[in-house]
Structures are given as C-alpha cells and as structure tokens.
Protein backbone atom coordinates (compact mmCIF):
# COMPACT_ATOMS: atom_id res chain seq x y z
CA MET A 1 111.22 64.02 111.37
CA ILE A 2 110.79 67.82 110.82
CA LEU A 3 107.21 67.21 109.84
CA GLN A 4 106.49 65.34 112.98
CA VAL A 5 107.97 68.10 115.12
CA LEU A 6 105.99 70.79 113.20
CA VAL A 7 102.82 68.77 113.92
CA VAL A 8 103.58 68.56 117.49
CA ILE A 9 104.16 72.20 117.67
CA VAL A 10 100.94 73.04 115.83
CA ILE A 11 98.93 70.59 118.22
CA CYS A 12 100.39 72.24 121.28
CA PHE A 13 99.56 75.72 120.10
CA PHE A 14 95.93 74.79 119.40
CA LEU A 15 95.59 72.94 122.75
CA SER A 16 97.02 76.07 124.52
CA GLU A 17 94.51 78.33 122.86
CA VAL A 18 91.69 76.16 123.98
CA ALA A 19 93.09 76.05 127.51
CA LEU A 20 93.35 79.94 127.53
CA ALA A 21 89.75 80.17 126.11
CA GLU A 22 88.45 78.16 128.95
CA LYS A 23 89.94 80.38 131.65
CA ARG A 24 87.71 83.36 130.76
CA ILE A 25 83.99 83.52 129.97
CA GLU A 26 82.14 86.52 128.76
CA LYS A 27 78.32 86.64 129.04
CA ASP A 28 75.49 88.86 127.79
CA LEU A 29 73.03 88.49 130.49
CA ASP A 30 70.22 90.74 128.95
CA GLU A 31 70.90 89.48 125.43
CA ASP A 32 71.11 92.94 123.90
CA GLY A 33 74.52 92.03 122.07
CA ILE A 34 76.79 93.89 124.56
CA VAL A 35 78.94 91.65 127.08
CA ASN A 36 78.18 92.73 130.63
CA VAL A 37 79.82 89.93 132.72
CA TRP A 38 83.51 88.66 132.51
CA THR A 39 84.32 85.65 134.68
CA ALA A 40 88.01 84.54 135.08
CA PHE A 41 88.65 80.92 136.21
CA GLU A 42 91.60 79.05 137.78
CA ASN A 43 91.55 75.27 138.44
CA GLN A 44 88.03 75.18 137.29
CA PHE A 45 86.84 77.66 139.96
CA SER A 46 85.92 81.48 139.53
CA VAL A 47 88.49 83.67 140.93
CA LYS A 48 87.29 86.97 139.54
CA GLN A 49 84.17 88.38 138.07
CA LYS A 50 83.65 91.87 136.61
CA GLN A 51 80.11 93.23 136.05
CA ASP A 52 78.92 96.13 133.97
CA GLU A 53 75.23 96.53 135.20
CA ASN A 54 74.44 99.73 133.33
CA GLU A 55 76.55 98.97 130.10
CA ASP A 56 78.37 102.15 130.24
CA GLY A 57 81.83 100.35 129.79
CA ILE A 58 82.74 100.95 133.46
CA MET A 59 82.77 97.90 135.79
CA ASP A 60 80.03 98.31 138.53
CA ARG A 61 81.06 95.41 140.53
CA VAL A 62 84.10 93.23 140.90
CA LEU A 63 83.87 89.97 142.81
CA ILE A 64 86.80 88.12 144.12
CA PHE A 65 86.58 84.37 144.91
CA ASP A 66 88.73 82.15 147.14
CA SER A 67 90.57 79.10 145.77
CA GLU A 68 87.42 76.99 146.05
CA GLY A 69 85.11 79.42 144.20
CA ARG A 70 83.45 81.02 147.07
CA LEU A 71 82.77 84.68 147.16
CA LYS A 72 85.45 86.46 149.26
CA THR A 73 85.19 90.14 148.53
CA LEU A 74 82.84 92.32 146.62
CA PHE A 75 83.86 95.74 145.22
CA LYS A 76 80.87 98.06 144.36
CA ASP A 77 81.63 100.84 142.00
CA PRO A 78 85.46 100.15 142.13
CA TYR A 79 86.31 102.44 139.18
CA THR A 80 84.37 105.67 140.27
CA GLN A 81 86.53 108.09 142.03
CA GLY A 82 85.72 108.55 145.78
CA LYS A 83 82.63 106.35 145.72
CA SER A 84 84.10 102.84 146.01
CA LYS A 85 82.66 100.47 148.47
CA THR A 86 84.30 97.23 149.58
CA ILE A 87 82.36 94.42 151.13
CA ARG A 88 84.34 91.62 152.62
CA LEU A 89 82.56 88.34 153.44
CA LEU A 90 83.65 86.40 156.53
CA LYS A 91 83.17 82.69 157.22
CA ILE A 92 80.88 81.90 160.05
C-alpha cells in the first residue's frame, strides 16, 4: 500500500515537471549558443514572448498575446529608462 502511494506521488511529480516544461520554450535563433527568445504558453497558446535582439542580457522586445495567441501589445525596449515604446494592436 505504501509503495503504491509512493509510486503515484513519483509519477505525479514527473508529470507536473513535464507540464511545467511545456509552458515555456527558450530558443537560440542565431544558433550561437545564447538563448535570445523566451516564449510562455497557456492553454497551448503563446501568452508572452521576450526577445533579446542584441544579446546584451536586456530584453529588447516584449510581446503580449491574447487568449487565442494573437499579438495584442508590443513593448519596444521596455527595460531602457525613458526610451520605452508601446505599440497596441487593434482589431479591424
């Protein structure tokens, strides 16, 4: 009985780790060994993406998506003091 409970706990732990791993993807777009795009997912749709275009460790773009994965808001240089630009996209 105790062994069965322990096996169930271990299985649940590994399944939750897999589920967490599927919620965020890191990419190295220029294949230089440095991750420069981080994408977070919710319900299999992108909800937020951070991009470091010049690989200085500071995010150059942050994209926010709606519940269906469509781009809603783009922040350009959001972490640079006084230079942040926000672009909001409207449905037409």
